[in-house]
PDB file of N, CA and C in Angstrom:
ATOM      1  N   UNK A   1      -9.300  -0.103  -3.989  1.00  0.00           N
ATOM      2  CA  UNK A   1     -10.652  -0.608  -3.108  1.00  0.00           C
ATOM      3  C   UNK A   1     -11.969   0.520  -3.420  1.00  0.00           C
ATOM      4  N   UNK A   2     -12.895   0.424  -3.734  1.00  0.00           N
ATOM      5  CA  UNK A   2     -13.920   1.700  -3.986  1.00  0.00           C
ATOM      6  C   UNK A   2     -15.009   0.702  -2.716  1.00  0.00           C
ATOM      7  N   UNK A   3     -15.644   1.934  -2.718  1.00  0.00           N
ATOM      8  CA  UNK A   3     -16.999   2.212  -1.946  1.00  0.00           C
ATOM      9  C   UNK A   3     -18.064   3.211  -1.803  1.00  0.00           C
ATOM     10  N   UNK A   4     -18.526   2.196  -3.176  1.00  0.00           N
ATOM     11  CA  UNK A   4     -19.614   3.636  -3.646  1.00  0.00           C
ATOM     12  C   UNK A   4     -20.579   4.535  -2.426  1.00  0.00           C
ATOM     13  N   UNK A   5     -20.553   4.005  -0.967  1.00  0.00           N
ATOM     14  CA  UNK A   5     -21.159   4.244  -0.146  1.00  0.00           C
ATOM     15  C   UNK A   5     -20.476   5.116   0.214  1.00  0.00           C
ATOM     16  N   UNK A   6     -19.372   5.548   0.246  1.00  0.00           N
ATOM     17  CA  UNK A   6     -18.288   6.337   1.320  1.00  0.00           C
ATOM     18  C   UNK A   6     -16.995   6.632   0.650  1.00  0.00           C
ATOM     19  N   UNK A   7     -17.453   8.464   0.655  1.00  0.00           N
ATOM     20  CA  UNK A   7     -16.891   8.867   0.324  1.00  0.00           C
ATOM     21  C   UNK A   7     -15.491   9.798   1.310  1.00  0.00           C
ATOM     22  N   UNK A   8     -14.357   9.080   0.314  1.00  0.00           N
ATOM     23  CA  UNK A   8     -13.108   9.188   1.286  1.00  0.00           C
ATOM     24  C   UNK A   8     -11.957  10.128   0.850  1.00  0.00           C
ATOM     25  N   UNK A   9     -11.701  11.027   1.493  1.00  0.00           N
ATOM     26  CA  UNK A   9     -10.578  12.220   1.488  1.00  0.00           C
ATOM     27  C   UNK A   9      -9.379  12.390   2.436  1.00  0.00           C
ATOM     28  N   UNK A  10      -8.248  12.965   1.277  1.00  0.00           N
ATOM     29  CA  UNK A  10      -7.211  13.422   2.651  1.00  0.00           C
ATOM     30  C   UNK A  10      -7.662  14.389   2.941  1.00  0.00           C
ATOM     31  N   UNK A  11      -8.638  15.292   2.749  1.00  0.00           N
ATOM     32  CA  UNK A  11      -8.073  16.785   2.613  1.00  0.00           C
ATOM     33  C   UNK A  11      -9.113  16.287   4.149  1.00  0.00           C
ATOM     34  N   UNK A  12      -9.383  17.786   4.888  1.00  0.00           N
ATOM     35  CA  UNK A  12     -10.188  18.069   5.771  1.00  0.00           C
ATOM     36  C   UNK A  12     -11.343  18.766   5.932  1.00  0.00           C
ATOM     37  N   UNK A  13     -12.138  18.700   4.772  1.00  0.00           N
ATOM     38  CA  UNK A  13     -12.756  19.428   4.620  1.00  0.00           C
ATOM     39  C   UNK A  13     -13.048  18.965   2.965  1.00  0.00           C
ATOM     40  N   UNK A  14     -14.808  19.028   2.687  1.00  0.00           N
ATOM     41  CA  UNK A  14     -15.439  18.533   1.565  1.00  0.00           C
ATOM     42  C   UNK A  14     -16.134  19.493   1.149  1.00  0.00           C
ATOM     43  N   UNK A  15     -15.797  20.293  -0.220  1.00  0.00           N
ATOM     44  CA  UNK A  15     -16.166  22.114  -1.239  1.00  0.00           C
ATOM     45  C   UNK A  15     -17.545  20.878  -1.634  1.00  0.00           C
ATOM     46  N   UNK A  16     -18.953  22.218  -1.467  1.00  0.00           N
ATOM     47  CA  UNK A  16     -20.010  21.774  -1.873  1.00  0.00           C
ATOM     48  C   UNK A  16     -20.635  20.337  -1.096  1.00  0.00           C
ATOM     49  N   UNK A  17     -19.990  20.522   0.627  1.00  0.00           N
ATOM     50  CA  UNK A  17     -21.092  19.423   1.491  1.00  0.00           C
ATOM     51  C   UNK A  17     -20.844  19.835   2.565  1.00  0.00           C
ATOM     52  N   UNK A  18     -22.053  19.520   3.611  1.00  0.00           N
ATOM     53  CA  UNK A  18     -21.778  20.436   5.150  1.00  0.00           C
ATOM     54  C   UNK A  18     -22.112  19.267   5.604  1.00  0.00           C
ATOM     55  N   UNK A  19     -20.831  18.975   6.178  1.00  0.00           N
ATOM     56  CA  UNK A  19     -20.497  17.804   7.641  1.00  0.00           C
ATOM     57  C   UNK A  19     -21.321  18.321   8.684  1.00  0.00           C
ATOM     58  N   UNK A  20     -22.453  17.443   9.258  1.00  0.00           N
ATOM     59  CA  UNK A  20     -23.670  17.503  10.177  1.00  0.00           C
ATOM     60  C   UNK A  20     -22.900  17.001  11.505  1.00  0.00           C
ATOM     61  N   UNK A  21     -21.885  15.870  11.194  1.00  0.00           N
ATOM     62  CA  UNK A  21     -21.438  14.888  12.477  1.00  0.00           C
ATOM     63  C   UNK A  21     -20.188  14.451  12.229  1.00  0.00           C
ATOM     64  N   UNK A  22     -19.342  14.764  13.281  1.00  0.00           N
ATOM     65  CA  UNK A  22     -17.646  14.361  13.240  1.00  0.00           C
ATOM     66  C   UNK A  22     -18.073  12.974  14.358  1.00  0.00           C
ATOM     67  N   UNK A  23     -18.104  11.964  13.855  1.00  0.00           N
ATOM     68  CA  UNK A  23     -17.642  10.373  14.092  1.00  0.00           C
ATOM     69  C   UNK A  23     -16.808  10.230  15.200  1.00  0.00           C
ATOM     70  N   UNK A  24     -15.853  11.171  14.807  1.00  0.00           N
ATOM     71  CA  UNK A  24     -13.993  10.617  15.542  1.00  0.00           C
ATOM     72  C   UNK A  24     -13.547   9.737  15.064  1.00  0.00           C
ATOM     73  N   UNK A  25     -12.383   9.428  15.224  1.00  0.00           N
ATOM     74  CA  UNK A  25     -11.016   8.815  14.910  1.00  0.00           C
ATOM     75  C   UNK A  25     -11.742   7.418  14.494  1.00  0.00           C
ATOM     76  N   UNK A  26     -11.126   6.978  13.218  1.00  0.00           N
ATOM     77  CA  UNK A  26     -11.448   5.219  12.123  1.00  0.00           C
ATOM     78  C   UNK A  26     -10.214   4.796  12.245  1.00  0.00           C
ATOM     79  N   UNK A  27      -9.261   4.337  12.450  1.00  0.00           N
ATOM     80  CA  UNK A  27      -8.438   3.091  12.267  1.00  0.00           C
ATOM     81  C   UNK A  27      -8.179   1.777  11.546  1.00  0.00           C
ATOM     82  N   UNK A  28      -7.564   1.725  10.376  1.00  0.00           N
ATOM     83  CA  UNK A  28      -7.103   0.596  10.261  1.00  0.00           C
ATOM     84  C   UNK A  28      -5.882  -0.012   9.988  1.00  0.00           C
ATOM     85  N   UNK A  29      -5.533  -1.695  10.159  1.00  0.00           N
ATOM     86  CA  UNK A  29      -3.825  -1.860  10.012  1.00  0.00           C
ATOM     87  C   UNK A  29      -4.286  -3.151   9.100  1.00  0.00           C
ATOM     88  N   UNK A  30      -2.885  -3.429   8.233  1.00  0.00           N
ATOM     89  CA  UNK A  30      -2.666  -4.781   7.828  1.00  0.00           C
ATOM     90  C   UNK A  30      -1.283  -5.033   7.685  1.00  0.00           C
ATOM     91  N   UNK A  31      -0.764  -6.162   7.754  1.00  0.00           N
ATOM     92  CA  UNK A  31       0.380  -6.984   8.008  1.00  0.00           C
ATOM     93  C   UNK A  31       0.807  -7.532   6.440  1.00  0.00           C
ATOM     94  N   UNK A  32       2.486  -7.019   6.087  1.00  0.00           N
ATOM     95  CA  UNK A  32       2.605  -7.931   4.961  1.00  0.00           C
ATOM     96  C   UNK A  32       3.599  -8.754   5.813  1.00  0.00           C
ATOM     97  N   UNK A  33       3.366  -9.813   5.685  1.00  0.00           N
ATOM     98  CA  UNK A  33       3.878 -11.039   6.559  1.00  0.00           C
ATOM     99  C   UNK A  33       5.607 -11.105   6.208  1.00  0.00           C
ATOM    100  N   UNK A  34       6.585 -11.365   6.817  1.00  0.00           N
ATOM    101  CA  UNK A  34       8.113 -11.922   6.756  1.00  0.00           C
ATOM    102  C   UNK A  34       8.391 -13.121   5.335  1.00  0.00           C
ATOM    103  N   UNK A  35       7.586 -13.836   5.495  1.00  0.00           N
ATOM    104  CA  UNK A  35       7.023 -14.599   4.230  1.00  0.00           C
ATOM    105  C   UNK A  35       7.132 -14.225   2.639  1.00  0.00           C
ATOM    106  N   UNK A  36       5.838 -13.435   2.041  1.00  0.00           N
ATOM    107  CA  UNK A  36       5.845 -12.548   1.471  1.00  0.00           C
ATOM    108  C   UNK A  36       7.387 -12.011   1.584  1.00  0.00           C
ATOM    109  N   UNK A  37       7.516 -11.082   1.955  1.00  0.00           N
ATOM    110  CA  UNK A  37       8.457 -10.374   1.721  1.00  0.00           C
ATOM    111  C   UNK A  37       9.761 -11.389   1.431  1.00  0.00           C
ATOM    112  N   UNK A  38      10.514 -12.018   2.056  1.00  0.00           N
ATOM    113  CA  UNK A  38      11.563 -13.111   1.991  1.00  0.00           C
ATOM    114  C   UNK A  38      11.411 -13.771   0.567  1.00  0.00           C
ATOM    115  N   UNK A  39       9.778 -14.007   0.229  1.00  0.00           N
ATOM    116  CA  UNK A  39      10.103 -14.473  -0.903  1.00  0.00           C
ATOM    117  C   UNK A  39       9.854 -13.955  -2.110  1.00  0.00           C
ATOM    118  N   UNK A  40       9.229 -12.605  -1.899  1.00  0.00           N
ATOM    119  CA  UNK A  40       9.764 -11.859  -3.094  1.00  0.00           C
ATOM    120  C   UNK A  40      11.328 -11.226  -3.398  1.00  0.00           C
ATOM    121  N   UNK A  41      11.643 -11.040  -2.501  1.00  0.00           N
ATOM    122  CA  UNK A  41      12.955 -11.109  -2.586  1.00  0.00           C
ATOM    123  C   UNK A  41      14.160 -12.152  -2.790  1.00  0.00           C
ATOM    124  N   UNK A  42      13.580 -12.919  -2.636  1.00  0.00           N
ATOM    125  CA  UNK A  42      14.693 -14.099  -2.202  1.00  0.00           C
ATOM    126  C   UNK A  42      15.251 -14.208  -4.475  1.00  0.00           C
ATOM    127  N   UNK A  43      13.866 -14.124  -4.927  1.00  0.00           N
ATOM    128  CA  UNK A  43      14.243 -14.096  -6.757  1.00  0.00           C
ATOM    129  C   UNK A  43      13.709 -13.190  -7.302  1.00  0.00           C
ATOM    130  N   UNK A  44      14.171 -11.869  -7.289  1.00  0.00           N
ATOM    131  CA  UNK A  44      13.901 -11.047  -7.718  1.00  0.00           C
ATOM    132  C   UNK A  44      14.062 -10.985  -9.780  1.00  0.00           C
ATOM    133  N   UNK A  45      12.898 -11.548 -10.485  1.00  0.00           N
ATOM    134  CA  UNK A  45      13.098 -11.541 -11.796  1.00  0.00           C
ATOM    135  C   UNK A  45      12.554 -10.743 -12.249  1.00  0.00           C
ATOM    136  N   UNK A  46      10.792 -10.619 -11.203  1.00  0.00           N
ATOM    137  CA  UNK A  46       9.958  -9.810 -11.737  1.00  0.00           C
ATOM    138  C   UNK A  46       9.908  -8.219 -11.836  1.00  0.00           C
ATOM    139  N   UNK A  47      10.865  -7.465 -12.695  1.00  0.00           N
ATOM    140  CA  UNK A  47      11.675  -6.060 -12.375  1.00  0.00           C
ATOM    141  C   UNK A  47      10.931  -6.258 -13.559  1.00  0.00           C
ATOM    142  N   UNK A  48      10.448  -4.595 -13.467  1.00  0.00           N
ATOM    143  CA  UNK A  48       9.561  -4.043 -14.360  1.00  0.00           C
ATOM    144  C   UNK A  48      10.389  -2.154 -14.270  1.00  0.00           C
ATOM    145  N   UNK A  49      11.331  -1.902 -15.363  1.00  0.00           N
ATOM    146  CA  UNK A  49      11.546  -0.181 -14.983  1.00  0.00           C
ATOM    147  C   UNK A  49      12.280  -0.319 -13.393  1.00  0.00           C
ATOM    148  N   UNK A  50      13.107  -1.239 -12.891  1.00  0.00           N
ATOM    149  CA  UNK A  50      14.110  -1.364 -11.591  1.00  0.00           C
ATOM    150  C   UNK A  50      12.815  -0.908 -10.610  1.00  0.00           C
ATOM    151  N   UNK A  51      11.502  -1.405 -10.872  1.00  0.00           N
ATOM    152  CA  UNK A  51      10.939  -2.054  -9.896  1.00  0.00           C
ATOM    153  C   UNK A  51       9.718  -3.295  -9.757  1.00  0.00           C
ATOM    154  N   UNK A  52      10.359  -3.493  -8.871  1.00  0.00           N
ATOM    155  CA  UNK A  52       9.132  -4.645  -8.802  1.00  0.00           C
ATOM    156  C   UNK A  52       7.483  -4.824  -8.727  1.00  0.00           C
ATOM    157  N   UNK A  53       7.376  -5.500  -9.424  1.00  0.00           N
ATOM    158  CA  UNK A  53       5.751  -4.978  -9.901  1.00  0.00           C
ATOM    159  C   UNK A  53       5.181  -5.833  -8.772  1.00  0.00           C
ATOM    160  N   UNK A  54       5.808  -7.971  -8.356  1.00  0.00           N
ATOM    161  CA  UNK A  54       5.067  -8.558  -7.358  1.00  0.00           C
ATOM    162  C   UNK A  54       4.979  -7.938  -5.614  1.00  0.00           C
ATOM    163  N   UNK A  55       5.798  -6.699  -5.567  1.00  0.00           N
ATOM    164  CA  UNK A  55       6.007  -6.591  -4.285  1.00  0.00           C
ATOM    165  C   UNK A  55       5.101  -5.795  -4.500  1.00  0.00           C
ATOM    166  N   UNK A  56       4.852  -4.560  -5.142  1.00  0.00           N
ATOM    167  CA  UNK A  56       4.225  -3.800  -5.313  1.00  0.00           C
ATOM    168  C   UNK A  56       2.417  -4.156  -5.665  1.00  0.00           C
ATOM    169  N   UNK A  57       2.314  -4.963  -6.215  1.00  0.00           N
ATOM    170  CA  UNK A  57       1.146  -5.846  -5.889  1.00  0.00           C
ATOM    171  C   UNK A  57       0.669  -5.781  -4.568  1.00  0.00           C
ATOM    172  N   UNK A  58       1.690  -6.649  -3.275  1.00  0.00           N
ATOM    173  CA  UNK A  58       0.899  -7.241  -2.481  1.00  0.00           C
ATOM    174  C   UNK A  58       0.829  -5.738  -1.256  1.00  0.00           C
ATOM    175  N   UNK A  59       2.042  -5.002  -1.820  1.00  0.00           N
ATOM    176  CA  UNK A  59       1.864  -3.686  -1.184  1.00  0.00           C
ATOM    177  C   UNK A  59       0.152  -3.376  -1.317  1.00  0.00           C
ATOM    178  N   UNK A  60      -0.456  -3.394  -2.484  1.00  0.00           N
ATOM    179  CA  UNK A  60      -1.450  -2.706  -2.441  1.00  0.00           C
ATOM    180  C   UNK A  60      -2.296  -3.755  -2.365  1.00  0.00           C
ATOM    181  N   UNK A  61      -2.202  -4.760  -2.127  1.00  0.00           N
ATOM    182  CA  UNK A  61      -3.134  -5.749  -1.108  1.00  0.00           C
ATOM    183  C   UNK A  61      -3.475  -5.043   0.450  1.00  0.00           C
ATOM    184  N   UNK A  62      -2.303  -4.943   0.610  1.00  0.00           N
ATOM    185  CA  UNK A  62      -2.425  -4.502   2.357  1.00  0.00           C
ATOM    186  C   UNK A  62      -2.871  -3.771   2.573  1.00  0.00           C
ATOM    187  N   UNK A  63      -2.619  -2.298   1.464  1.00  0.00           N
ATOM    188  CA  UNK A  63      -3.122  -1.145   1.491  1.00  0.00           C
ATOM    189  C   UNK A  63      -4.749  -1.434   1.253  1.00  0.00           C
ATOM    190  N   UNK A  64      -5.324  -1.927   0.424  1.00  0.00           N
ATOM    191  CA  UNK A  64      -6.455  -2.262   0.390  1.00  0.00           C
ATOM    192  C   UNK A  64      -7.158  -2.751   1.307  1.00  0.00           C
ATOM    193  N   UNK A  65      -6.814  -3.591   1.806  1.00  0.00           N
ATOM    194  CA  UNK A  65      -7.246  -4.499   3.124  1.00  0.00           C
ATOM    195  C   UNK A  65      -7.419  -3.572   4.652  1.00  0.00           C
ATOM    196  N   UNK A  66      -6.389  -2.244   4.745  1.00  0.00           N
ATOM    197  CA  UNK A  66      -6.089  -1.288   5.600  1.00  0.00           C
ATOM    198  C   UNK A  66      -7.323  -0.337   5.850  1.00  0.00           C
ATOM    199  N   UNK A  67      -8.037  -0.030   4.405  1.00  0.00           N
ATOM    200  CA  UNK A  67      -8.644   0.738   4.303  1.00  0.00           C
ATOM    201  C   UNK A  67     -10.009   0.325   4.348  1.00  0.00           C
ATOM    202  N   UNK A  68      -9.765  -0.817   3.645  1.00  0.00           N
ATOM    203  CA  UNK A  68     -11.199  -1.459   3.708  1.00  0.00           C
ATOM    204  C   UNK A  68     -12.144  -1.647   5.582  1.00  0.00           C
ATOM    205  N   UNK A  69     -11.347  -2.281   6.077  1.00  0.00           N
ATOM    206  CA  UNK A  69     -10.775  -2.553   7.550  1.00  0.00           C
ATOM    207  C   UNK A  69     -11.147  -0.700   8.343  1.00  0.00           C
ATOM    208  N   UNK A  70     -10.683   0.576   7.019  1.00  0.00           N
ATOM    209  CA  UNK A  70     -11.357   1.467   8.486  1.00  0.00           C
ATOM    210  C   UNK A  70     -12.673   2.152   7.894  1.00  0.00           C
ATOM    211  N   UNK A  71     -12.580   1.876   6.718  1.00  0.00           N
ATOM    212  CA  UNK A  71     -13.990   1.910   5.941  1.00  0.00           C
ATOM    213  C   UNK A  71     -15.209   1.352   7.003  1.00  0.00           C
ATOM    214  N   UNK A  72     -14.897  -0.254   7.258  1.00  0.00           N
ATOM    215  CA  UNK A  72     -16.091  -1.040   8.154  1.00  0.00           C
ATOM    216  C   UNK A  72     -16.403  -0.240   9.391  1.00  0.00           C
ATOM    217  N   UNK A  73     -15.154   0.097   9.636  1.00  0.00           N
ATOM    218  CA  UNK A  73     -15.321   0.929  11.331  1.00  0.00           C
ATOM    219  C   UNK A  73     -16.103   2.278  11.377  1.00  0.00           C
ATOM    220  N   UNK A  74     -16.327   2.691  10.282  1.00  0.00           N
ATOM    221  CA  UNK A  74     -16.688   4.346  10.244  1.00  0.00           C
ATOM    222  C   UNK A  74     -18.113   3.864   9.229  1.00  0.00           C
ATOM    223  N   UNK A  75     -18.458   2.625   8.773  1.00  0.00           N
ATOM    224  CA  UNK A  75     -19.938   2.215   8.431  1.00  0.00           C
ATOM    225  C   UNK A  75     -20.776   1.602   9.871  1.00  0.00           C
ATOM    226  N   UNK A  76     -19.751   1.092  10.892  1.00  0.00           N
ATOM    227  CA  UNK A  76     -20.448   0.712  12.076  1.00  0.00           C
ATOM    228  C   UNK A  76     -21.089   2.265  12.671  1.00  0.00           C
ATOM    229  N   UNK A  77     -20.350   3.207  12.824  1.00  0.00           N
ATOM    230  CA  UNK A  77     -20.768   4.763  13.183  1.00  0.00           C
ATOM    231  C   UNK A  77     -21.721   5.702  12.488  1.00  0.00           C
ATOM    232  N   UNK A  78     -22.187   4.845  11.236  1.00  0.00           N
ATOM    233  CA  UNK A  78     -23.299   5.091  10.678  1.00  0.00           C
ATOM    234  C   UNK A  78     -22.705   6.708   9.896  1.00  0.00           C
ATOM    235  N   UNK A  79     -21.252   6.510   9.489  1.00  0.00           N
ATOM    236  CA  UNK A  79     -20.772   7.480   8.601  1.00  0.00           C
ATOM    237  C   UNK A  79     -21.022   7.315   7.462  1.00  0.00           C
ATOM    238  N   UNK A  80     -21.154   8.430   6.737  1.00  0.00           N
ATOM    239  CA  UNK A  80     -20.850   7.917   5.069  1.00  0.00           C
ATOM    240  C   UNK A  80     -19.498   8.924   4.475  1.00  0.00           C
ATOM    241  N   UNK A  81     -18.774   9.069   4.975  1.00  0.00           N
ATOM    242  CA  UNK A  81     -17.668   9.794   4.876  1.00  0.00           C
ATOM    243  C   UNK A  81     -16.168   9.630   5.791  1.00  0.00           C
ATOM    244  N   UNK A  82     -15.094   9.532   5.301  1.00  0.00           N
ATOM    245  CA  UNK A  82     -13.893   9.387   5.814  1.00  0.00           C
ATOM    246  C   UNK A  82     -13.028  10.893   5.467  1.00  0.00           C
ATOM    247  N   UNK A  83     -12.866  11.752   6.364  1.00  0.00           N
ATOM    248  CA  UNK A  83     -12.078  12.492   5.702  1.00  0.00           C
ATOM    249  C   UNK A  83     -10.550  13.055   6.694  1.00  0.00           C
ATOM    250  N   UNK A  84      -9.393  13.212   6.028  1.00  0.00           N
ATOM    251  CA  UNK A  84      -7.967  13.313   6.301  1.00  0.00           C
ATOM    252  C   UNK A  84      -7.285  12.597   6.519  1.00  0.00           C
ATOM    253  N   UNK A  85      -7.459  11.529   5.970  1.00  0.00           N
ATOM    254  CA  UNK A  85      -7.027  10.197   5.601  1.00  0.00           C
ATOM    255  C   UNK A  85      -5.622  10.927   5.277  1.00  0.00           C
ATOM    256  N   UNK A  86      -4.810   9.208   6.108  1.00  0.00           N
ATOM    257  CA  UNK A  86      -3.421   9.347   5.566  1.00  0.00           C
ATOM    258  C   UNK A  86      -3.370   8.106   6.415  1.00  0.00           C
ATOM    259  N   UNK A  87      -2.066   7.642   5.642  1.00  0.00           N
ATOM    260  CA  UNK A  87      -1.555   6.186   5.124  1.00  0.00           C
ATOM    261  C   UNK A  87      -0.195   5.965   5.546  1.00  0.00           C
ATOM    262  N   UNK A  88       0.328   5.116   6.864  1.00  0.00           N
ATOM    263  CA  UNK A  88       1.668   5.168   6.616  1.00  0.00           C
ATOM    264  C   UNK A  88       2.185   3.737   6.230  1.00  0.00           C
ATOM    265  N   UNK A  89       3.429   3.360   6.667  1.00  0.00           N
ATOM    266  CA  UNK A  89       4.487   2.293   6.297  1.00  0.00           C
ATOM    267  C   UNK A  89       5.584   2.044   6.861  1.00  0.00           C
ATOM    268  N   UNK A  90       4.937   1.430   8.131  1.00  0.00           N
ATOM    269  CA  UNK A  90       6.083   1.053   8.562  1.00  0.00           C
ATOM    270  C   UNK A  90       6.693  -0.493   9.042  1.00  0.00           C
ATOM    271  N   UNK A  91       8.507  -0.349   8.560  1.00  0.00           N
ATOM    272  CA  UNK A  91       8.666  -2.200   9.111  1.00  0.00           C
ATOM    273  C   UNK A  91       9.508  -2.220  10.489  1.00  0.00           C
ATOM    274  N   UNK A  92       8.483  -3.468  10.634  1.00  0.00           N
ATOM    275  CA  UNK A  92       8.938  -3.491  12.242  1.00  0.00           C
ATOM    276  C   UNK A  92      10.066  -4.014  11.760  1.00  0.00           C
ATOM    277  N   UNK A  93      10.598  -4.779  11.619  1.00  0.00           N
ATOM    278  CA  UNK A  93      12.046  -5.354  11.965  1.00  0.00           C
ATOM    279  C   UNK A  93      12.431  -6.191  13.189  1.00  0.00           C
ATOM    280  N   UNK A  94      13.289  -6.139  13.468  1.00  0.00           N
ATOM    281  CA  UNK A  94      13.625  -6.475  14.767  1.00  0.00           C
ATOM    282  C   UNK A  94      13.139  -7.912  15.018  1.00  0.00           C
ATOM    283  N   UNK A  95      12.909  -8.949  16.114  1.00  0.00           N
ATOM    284  CA  UNK A  95      12.322 -10.246  16.390  1.00  0.00           C
ATOM    285  C   UNK A  95      10.886 -10.118  15.123  1.00  0.00           C
ATOM    286  N   UNK A  96       9.923  -9.441  14.520  1.00  0.00           N
ATOM    287  CA  UNK A  96       9.261  -9.836  13.795  1.00  0.00           C
ATOM    288  C   UNK A  96      10.084 -10.130  12.658  1.00  0.00           C
ATOM    289  N   UNK A  97      11.316  -9.826  11.809  1.00  0.00           N
ATOM    290  CA  UNK A  97      11.378 -10.247  10.669  1.00  0.00           C
ATOM    291  C   UNK A  97      11.250  -9.115   9.790  1.00  0.00           C
ATOM    292  N   UNK A  98      11.146  -8.697   8.852  1.00  0.00           N
ATOM    293  CA  UNK A  98      10.735  -8.221   7.533  1.00  0.00           C
ATOM    294  C   UNK A  98       9.057  -7.901   7.081  1.00  0.00           C
ATOM    295  N   UNK A  99       8.471  -7.419   8.343  1.00  0.00           N
ATOM    296  CA  UNK A  99       7.014  -7.655   8.696  1.00  0.00           C
ATOM    297  C   UNK A  99       6.885  -5.780   8.318  1.00  0.00           C
ATOM    298  N   UNK A 100       5.348  -5.766   7.335  1.00  0.00           N
ATOM    299  CA  UNK A 100       5.601  -4.445   6.878  1.00  0.00           C
ATOM    300  C   UNK A 100       4.153  -3.949   7.308  1.00  0.00           C
ATOM    301  N   UNK A 101       4.213  -3.122   8.236  1.00  0.00           N
ATOM    302  CA  UNK A 101       2.499  -2.872   9.313  1.00  0.00           C
ATOM    303  C   UNK A 101       2.165  -1.868   8.268  1.00  0.00           C
ATOM    304  N   UNK A 102       0.825  -1.519   7.320  1.00  0.00           N
ATOM    305  CA  UNK A 102       0.019  -0.573   6.932  1.00  0.00           C
ATOM    306  C   UNK A 102      -0.669   0.335   7.572  1.00  0.00           C
ATOM    307  N   UNK A 103      -0.562   1.214   7.807  1.00  0.00           N
ATOM    308  CA  UNK A 103      -1.895   1.900   8.669  1.00  0.00           C
ATOM    309  C   UNK A 103      -2.031   2.699   8.239  1.00  0.00           C
ATOM    310  N   UNK A 104      -3.753   2.885   8.564  1.00  0.00           N
ATOM    311  CA  UNK A 104      -4.156   4.027   7.751  1.00  0.00           C
ATOM    312  C   UNK A 104      -5.391   4.786   8.964  1.00  0.00           C
ATOM    313  N   UNK A 105      -5.562   6.158   8.659  1.00  0.00           N
ATOM    314  CA  UNK A 105      -6.093   6.457   9.819  1.00  0.00           C
ATOM    315  C   UNK A 105      -7.011   7.986   9.119  1.00  0.00           C
ATOM    316  N   UNK A 106      -8.293   8.278   9.789  1.00  0.00           N
ATOM    317  CA  UNK A 106      -9.318   9.424   9.676  1.00  0.00           C
ATOM    318  C   UNK A 106     -10.387   9.646  10.586  1.00  0.00           C
ATOM    319  N   UNK A 107     -11.025  10.361  10.326  1.00  0.00           N
ATOM    320  CA  UNK A 107     -11.808  11.244  10.630  1.00  0.00           C
ATOM    321  C   UNK A 107     -13.426  10.773   9.951  1.00  0.00           C
ATOM    322  N   UNK A 108     -14.473   9.683  10.595  1.00  0.00           N
ATOM    323  CA  UNK A 108     -15.614   9.442  10.247  1.00  0.00           C
ATOM    324  C   UNK A 108     -16.827  10.343  10.425  1.00  0.00           C
ATOM    325  N   UNK A 109     -17.512  10.407   9.223  1.00  0.00           N
ATOM    326  CA  UNK A 109     -18.140  11.755   9.419  1.00  0.00           C
ATOM    327  C   UNK A 109     -19.799  11.788   8.897  1.00  0.00           C
ATOM    328  N   UNK A 110     -20.269  12.152   8.938  1.00  0.00           N
ATOM    329  CA  UNK A 110     -21.770  12.202   8.254  1.00  0.00           C
ATOM    330  C   UNK A 110     -22.187  13.475   7.542  1.00  0.00           C
ATOM    331  N   UNK A 111     -22.307  13.747   6.146  1.00  0.00           N
ATOM    332  CA  UNK A 111     -22.394  14.557   5.184  1.00  0.00           C
ATOM    333  C   UNK A 111     -23.197  14.415   4.769  1.00  0.00           C
ATOM    334  N   UNK A 112     -23.931  15.871   3.958  1.00  0.00           N
ATOM    335  CA  UNK A 112     -24.899  15.695   2.953  1.00  0.00           C
ATOM    336  C   UNK A 112     -24.804  16.936   1.880  1.00  0.00           C
TER     337      UNK A 112
END
């Protein structure tokens, strides 16, 4: 997922850029449902070098949706960057089955 108009960084500062406004925390979330999770592991035939490429593609889709959601929230604040980005993955387990929650958060900023 790329957005040419939004700078995304895991660092808390930007070299050669002046941050002139901190808009605050922005977040994004998405769920990788238990059906997808179950389907992928019921017949693990697509294994490359000990890795399940279909599962990785589904995680990548969930991560991209999460980042897109966070970017849209930053745009609503008229920000042109997000710094300090962190991404986490959590298996909700329990009554939710094998649902994985992908969360991203960072600080929306305006810079020049």
